[in-house]
Protein backbone atom coordinates (compact mmCIF):
# COMPACT_ATOMS: atom_id res chain seq x y z
CA UNK A 1 18.12 14.53 82.37
CA UNK A 2 17.97 16.98 85.25
CA UNK A 3 15.12 18.97 83.71
CA UNK A 4 13.24 15.76 82.95
CA UNK A 5 13.63 14.61 86.56
CA UNK A 6 12.25 17.94 87.79
CA UNK A 7 9.28 17.70 85.41
CA UNK A 8 8.52 14.12 86.45
CA UNK A 9 8.74 15.02 90.15
CA UNK A 10 6.35 17.96 89.71
CA UNK A 11 3.90 15.82 87.74
CA UNK A 12 3.92 12.83 90.09
CA UNK A 13 3.68 15.09 93.15
CA UNK A 14 0.62 16.79 91.63
CA UNK A 15 -0.90 13.37 90.94
CA UNK A 16 -0.34 12.37 94.58
CA UNK A 17 -1.90 15.63 95.80
CA UNK A 18 -5.00 15.05 93.65
CA UNK A 19 -5.29 11.42 94.79
CA UNK A 20 -4.99 12.54 98.41
CA UNK A 21 -7.73 15.16 97.91
CA UNK A 22 -10.02 12.59 96.29
CA UNK A 23 -9.46 10.10 99.14
CA UNK A 24 -10.46 12.80 101.65
CA UNK A 25 -13.68 13.20 99.66
CA UNK A 26 -14.32 9.45 99.86
CA UNK A 27 -13.20 8.43 96.36
CA UNK A 28 -11.71 4.97 96.49
CA UNK A 29 -11.06 4.45 92.76
CA UNK A 30 -7.81 3.59 91.06
CA UNK A 31 -4.69 5.63 90.53
CA UNK A 32 -5.09 8.86 88.59
CA UNK A 33 -3.18 9.11 85.34
CA UNK A 34 -0.78 12.01 85.04
CA UNK A 35 -0.32 13.87 81.80
CA UNK A 36 2.98 13.00 80.14
CA UNK A 37 5.93 15.35 80.14
CA UNK A 38 6.47 16.90 76.70
CA UNK A 39 9.96 17.41 75.32
CA UNK A 40 10.66 19.11 72.00
CA UNK A 41 14.07 19.69 70.44
CA UNK A 42 14.24 21.28 66.99
CA UNK A 43 16.38 23.33 64.60
CA UNK A 44 15.20 26.56 63.04
CA UNK A 45 16.09 27.89 59.58
CA UNK A 46 19.38 29.28 60.94
CA UNK A 47 20.35 25.87 62.42
CA UNK A 48 19.80 27.11 65.98
CA UNK A 49 18.69 24.29 68.25
CA UNK A 50 15.79 25.01 70.61
CA UNK A 51 14.73 22.97 73.62
CA UNK A 52 11.33 23.03 75.31
CA UNK A 53 10.13 20.83 78.15
CA UNK A 54 6.63 21.09 79.57
CA UNK A 55 4.89 19.33 82.42
CA UNK A 56 1.43 19.41 83.98
CA UNK A 57 2.78 19.24 87.51
CA UNK A 58 2.21 21.44 90.55
CA UNK A 59 3.79 24.49 88.95
CA UNK A 60 5.41 27.28 90.95
CA UNK A 61 4.17 30.43 92.61
CA UNK A 62 6.26 33.51 93.43
CA UNK A 63 7.32 32.09 96.81
CA UNK A 64 8.54 28.77 95.37
CA UNK A 65 10.41 30.58 92.57
CA UNK A 66 12.21 32.99 94.91
CA UNK A 67 12.78 30.68 97.91
CA UNK A 68 13.73 27.48 96.12
CA UNK A 69 13.97 27.59 92.33
CA UNK A 70 16.39 30.53 92.25
CA UNK A 71 18.51 29.33 95.18
CA UNK A 72 21.40 26.98 94.53
CA UNK A 73 21.14 23.87 96.67
CA UNK A 74 17.62 24.67 97.91
CA UNK A 75 14.96 22.14 97.03
CA UNK A 76 11.24 22.58 97.63
CA UNK A 77 11.20 18.86 98.39
CA UNK A 78 13.40 19.50 101.43
CA UNK A 79 11.14 22.30 102.74
CA UNK A 80 8.78 22.36 105.72
CA UNK A 81 5.86 23.03 103.36
CA UNK A 82 6.59 19.80 101.49
CA UNK A 83 7.18 17.74 104.63
CA UNK A 84 3.91 18.94 106.16
CA UNK A 85 1.85 18.47 103.01
CA UNK A 86 0.75 15.01 104.13
CA UNK A 87 1.40 13.61 100.67
CA UNK A 88 3.23 10.29 100.42
CA UNK A 89 5.81 11.07 97.74
CA UNK A 90 9.56 10.55 97.37
CA UNK A 91 11.03 12.75 94.60
CA UNK A 92 13.73 11.68 92.18
CA UNK A 93 15.59 14.94 92.60
CA UNK A 94 17.06 15.84 95.94
CA UNK A 95 19.61 18.64 95.86
CA UNK A 96 18.08 21.65 94.12
CA UNK A 97 20.69 22.03 91.36
CA UNK A 98 19.03 20.31 88.39
CA UNK A 99 17.75 23.43 86.70
CA UNK A 100 21.21 25.02 86.75
CA UNK A 101 22.54 22.26 84.52
CA UNK A 102 20.77 23.89 81.56
CA UNK A 103 23.25 26.78 81.76
CA UNK A 104 25.92 24.37 80.54
CA UNK A 105 24.36 24.62 77.06
CA UNK A 106 22.67 28.06 76.99
CA UNK A 107 23.02 31.62 78.23
CA UNK A 108 19.31 32.39 78.58
CA UNK A 109 16.37 30.37 79.86
CA UNK A 110 12.68 31.21 79.97
CA UNK A 111 10.38 29.53 82.48
CA UNK A 112 6.60 29.86 82.33
CA UNK A 113 4.70 28.42 85.27
CA UNK A 114 1.31 28.32 86.94
CA UNK A 115 0.88 26.90 90.47
CA UNK A 116 -2.04 24.54 91.10
CA UNK A 117 -3.27 26.64 94.05
CA UNK A 118 -3.12 29.86 92.01
CA UNK A 119 -4.47 28.87 88.56
CA UNK A 120 -5.26 32.48 87.58
CA UNK A 121 -1.68 33.70 88.05
CA UNK A 122 0.93 33.03 85.41
CA UNK A 123 4.61 33.68 86.05
CA UNK A 124 7.30 34.08 83.42
CA UNK A 125 10.90 34.05 84.55
CA UNK A 126 13.76 34.98 82.24
CA UNK A 127 17.28 34.23 83.40
CA UNK A 128 20.43 35.22 81.56
CA UNK A 129 23.76 33.90 82.82
CA UNK A 130 25.50 37.12 81.75
CA UNK A 131 23.14 39.42 83.68
CA UNK A 132 23.17 40.30 87.36
CA UNK A 133 19.37 40.29 87.46
CA UNK A 134 16.50 38.10 86.44
CA UNK A 135 13.10 39.18 85.16
CA UNK A 136 9.99 37.76 86.82
CA UNK A 137 6.71 38.82 85.22
CA UNK A 138 3.32 38.06 86.68
CA UNK A 139 0.07 38.06 84.76
CA UNK A 140 -3.40 37.54 86.13
CA UNK A 141 -6.12 35.84 84.10
CA UNK A 142 -8.85 37.66 86.07
CA UNK A 143 -7.68 40.95 84.59
CA UNK A 144 -7.51 39.39 81.12
CA UNK A 145 -3.84 40.30 81.20
CA UNK A 146 -2.01 37.34 79.76
CA UNK A 147 0.12 39.83 77.89
CA UNK A 148 3.61 38.47 78.35
CA UNK A 149 5.05 38.99 74.91
CA UNK A 150 7.65 36.41 74.09
CA UNK A 151 7.04 34.53 70.89
CA UNK A 152 9.15 31.70 69.62
CA UNK A 153 9.13 29.78 66.37
CA UNK A 154 8.13 26.26 67.36
CA UNK A 155 9.01 22.87 65.88
CA UNK A 156 6.21 23.26 63.29
CA UNK A 157 7.53 26.63 62.15
CA UNK A 158 4.63 28.46 63.85
CA UNK A 159 5.05 31.59 65.94
CA UNK A 160 3.69 30.87 69.42
CA UNK A 161 3.48 32.83 72.65
CA UNK A 162 4.97 30.94 75.58
CA UNK A 163 2.49 32.55 77.99
CA UNK A 164 -0.54 31.92 75.81
CA UNK A 165 0.20 28.18 75.81
CA UNK A 166 -0.69 28.25 79.53
CA UNK A 167 -3.90 30.27 79.36
CA UNK A 168 -6.17 27.25 79.65
CA UNK A 169 -3.88 24.98 81.67
CA UNK A 170 -4.70 24.36 85.29
CA UNK A 171 -1.04 24.26 86.30
CA UNK A 172 2.41 23.21 85.19
CA UNK A 173 5.79 24.50 84.05
CA UNK A 174 7.42 25.10 80.69
CA UNK A 175 11.16 25.64 80.24
CA UNK A 176 12.51 26.98 76.95
CA UNK A 177 15.99 27.85 75.71
CA UNK A 178 18.15 27.84 72.62
CA UNK A 179 21.30 25.74 72.69
């Protein structure tokens, strides 16, 4: 539920940003439709359960990851940057602890994200509850360097690269872990 709330907040906030930009340009049309949040839960041949949630929301850049996402009790939606964005949006989540709930069912989580203001930069964050460190990799599309190599076997039995799924996306976040 917590991860779903985060994905919905990111998606709706991105929708509100886009609507606000269009209004500034004089567009007076209807409400933009946001892309739905995708959730996949599946078992592999060894009966391991995998979980993947993906949104097409604002995504995260290095600053958001390090200042808010990785800090317990820190929410981007409580930040000065959010308050001064001029976007009329009230998030579902409030406290900045939703992501941590995933560690109740897994030891390692992978996050792939691309911020809407930096669509050529892809970040992949790997967190392991048993490690003192996290790994944050950055790849830049301009250098044709989407070379983050972490493949998973998806719900169709296909081997996919988590980073490559974001090559053509404008922005968003994907969270993957095995239960």
